[in-house]
Protein backbone atom coordinates (compact mmCIF):
# COMPACT_ATOMS: atom_id res chain seq x y z
CA MET A 1 115.69 102.15 117.36
CA ARG A 2 113.38 100.51 114.84
CA HIS A 3 110.74 99.19 117.19
CA GLN A 4 107.55 98.27 115.34
CA LYS A 5 108.89 99.37 111.95
CA ARG A 6 107.69 96.71 109.54
CA GLY A 7 109.05 96.02 106.08
CA ARG A 8 112.37 96.32 104.34
CA LYS A 9 113.46 99.59 102.75
CA LEU A 10 115.33 97.79 99.92
CA SER A 11 117.54 100.89 99.45
CA ARG A 12 114.75 102.77 97.67
CA THR A 13 112.48 105.72 98.29
CA SER A 14 108.94 104.90 99.37
CA SER A 15 107.45 105.73 95.96
CA HIS A 16 110.06 103.65 94.12
CA ARG A 17 109.57 100.77 96.54
CA LYS A 18 105.78 100.86 96.14
CA ALA A 19 106.02 100.92 92.34
CA MET A 20 108.62 98.13 92.26
CA LEU A 21 106.58 95.84 94.53
CA GLY A 22 103.46 96.53 92.47
CA ASN A 23 105.28 95.65 89.25
CA LEU A 24 106.74 92.51 90.80
CA ALA A 25 103.31 91.48 92.10
CA THR A 26 101.82 92.04 88.64
CA SER A 27 104.51 89.85 87.07
CA LEU A 28 103.95 87.14 89.66
CA LEU A 29 100.20 87.13 89.02
CA ARG A 30 100.76 87.10 85.24
CA TYR A 31 103.37 84.31 85.09
CA ASN A 32 102.60 82.45 88.38
CA ARG A 33 106.34 82.25 89.11
CA VAL A 34 109.14 84.86 89.27
CA GLU A 35 112.85 84.70 90.08
CA THR A 36 114.13 87.71 92.04
CA GLY A 37 116.30 88.73 94.98
CA HIS A 38 115.50 87.03 98.26
CA ALA A 39 114.60 90.23 100.16
CA LYS A 40 112.30 91.39 97.34
CA ALA A 41 110.61 87.99 97.25
CA LEU A 42 109.88 88.16 100.97
CA GLU A 43 108.46 91.66 100.63
CA VAL A 44 106.28 91.01 97.58
CA ARG A 45 104.83 87.96 99.31
CA GLY A 46 102.75 90.19 101.60
CA VAL A 47 101.55 92.34 98.70
CA VAL A 48 100.37 89.34 96.68
CA GLU A 49 98.72 87.66 99.68
CA ARG A 50 96.72 90.84 100.30
CA LEU A 51 95.72 91.12 96.62
CA ILE A 52 94.45 87.53 96.51
CA THR A 53 92.47 88.14 99.71
CA TYR A 54 90.87 91.19 98.06
CA ALA A 55 90.05 89.09 94.99
CA LYS A 56 88.43 86.40 97.12
CA LYS A 57 85.99 89.00 98.47
CA GLY A 58 85.19 89.99 94.90
CA ASP A 59 83.20 93.17 95.58
CA LEU A 60 83.70 96.52 93.88
CA HIS A 61 85.65 98.06 96.74
CA SER A 62 88.07 95.15 96.78
CA ARG A 63 88.55 95.44 93.01
CA ARG A 64 89.35 99.15 93.37
CA LEU A 65 91.81 98.46 96.21
CA ALA A 66 93.55 95.84 94.08
CA ALA A 67 93.60 98.24 91.12
CA THR A 68 95.70 100.71 93.13
CA THR A 69 98.53 98.15 93.09
CA ILE A 70 97.92 96.32 89.80
CA LYS A 71 97.93 98.75 86.88
CA ASP A 72 97.40 96.12 84.15
CA ALA A 73 93.70 95.51 83.46
CA ASP A 74 94.28 92.02 82.02
CA VAL A 75 96.14 90.86 85.13
CA LEU A 76 93.44 92.37 87.35
CA LYS A 77 90.77 90.41 85.44
CA LYS A 78 92.86 87.24 85.70
CA LEU A 79 93.26 87.76 89.45
CA PHE A 80 89.52 88.06 90.09
CA ALA A 81 88.30 85.54 87.48
CA GLU A 82 90.93 82.76 87.54
CA ILE A 83 93.30 82.99 90.49
CA ALA A 84 90.94 83.85 93.37
CA PRO A 85 88.50 80.97 92.73
CA GLN A 86 91.44 78.53 92.94
CA TYR A 87 92.06 79.65 96.53
CA LYS A 88 88.48 79.98 97.80
CA GLU A 89 88.95 77.12 100.31
CA ARG A 90 92.43 78.22 101.40
CA ASN A 91 92.94 80.68 104.26
CA GLY A 92 96.22 82.37 103.39
CA GLY A 93 99.54 80.91 102.32
CA TYR A 94 98.99 81.50 98.62
CA THR A 95 102.68 81.95 97.79
CA ARG A 96 105.85 79.94 98.26
CA VAL A 97 109.39 81.37 98.45
CA MET A 98 112.24 78.98 97.64
CA LYS A 99 115.89 79.96 97.91
CA LYS A 100 117.68 79.42 94.63
CA GLY A 101 121.30 80.35 95.27
CA TYR A 102 123.53 83.32 94.61
CA ARG A 103 123.60 85.56 91.54
CA VAL A 104 126.81 85.36 89.51
CA GLY A 105 127.45 89.10 89.10
CA ASP A 106 127.15 90.37 92.67
CA ALA A 107 126.65 87.20 94.77
CA ALA A 108 123.24 88.44 95.95
CA PRO A 109 120.93 85.73 97.30
CA THR A 110 118.15 84.92 94.83
CA SER A 111 114.83 83.18 95.31
CA ILE A 112 111.90 81.91 93.32
CA ILE A 113 108.46 83.04 94.44
CA GLU A 114 105.46 81.22 93.03
CA LEU A 115 101.75 80.86 93.54
CA VAL A 116 101.06 77.61 95.38
CA GLY A 117 99.35 75.09 93.10
CA LEU A 118 99.11 77.36 90.06
CA ALA A 119 102.82 77.35 89.19
CA GLN A 120 102.85 73.55 89.22
CA MET A 121 99.89 73.39 86.83
CA GLU A 122 101.56 75.93 84.54
CA LYS A 123 104.82 73.94 84.56
CA GLU A 124 103.01 70.76 83.46
CA VAL A 125 101.39 72.58 80.55
CA VAL A 126 104.57 74.33 79.39
CA ALA A 127 106.95 71.36 79.76
CA PRO A 128 107.69 69.86 76.33
CA ALA A 129 107.27 66.14 75.80
CA LYS A 130 110.52 64.22 76.12
CA LYS A 131 111.66 62.23 73.11
CA SER A 132 112.09 58.54 73.54
CA PRO A 133 115.42 56.91 72.56
CA GLU A 134 113.70 55.40 69.51
CA ASP A 135 112.65 58.87 68.28
CA LYS A 136 116.23 60.13 68.63
CA LYS A 137 117.52 57.24 66.47
CA LYS A 138 114.94 57.94 63.80
CA GLY A 139 115.96 61.61 63.72
CA ASP A 140 119.65 60.74 63.30
CA SER A 141 119.08 58.59 60.21
CA LYS A 142 117.79 61.51 58.09
């Protein structure tokens, strides 16, 4: 019986699972939004929530604890300098998991995990300006 056994094994050894979740957390903190399998998204949610809580404390011990999971120095700096201040008034719930559908190759359920608030701001910056119908007509006459 699996009483009080938290977490999914994800068909990996413990070292592989730890490395994979660390890499996925790093990608999520770098890009603010990641598409992955549903089970992985649910697992990485806890890792990222803990990392943001460490960053909100901001002391040296918290930085070293976060550095055990995040191996990229640039992402670690971004976490402590940019991401954590955004959530200083928020007590948890820094991520959102949305079901996307099923992957074509193996029909595995996929999800999008994103940082609440930050992914929306990133999307507004990255989204290209739409052309008006008048601009399209001008482009066709060339």
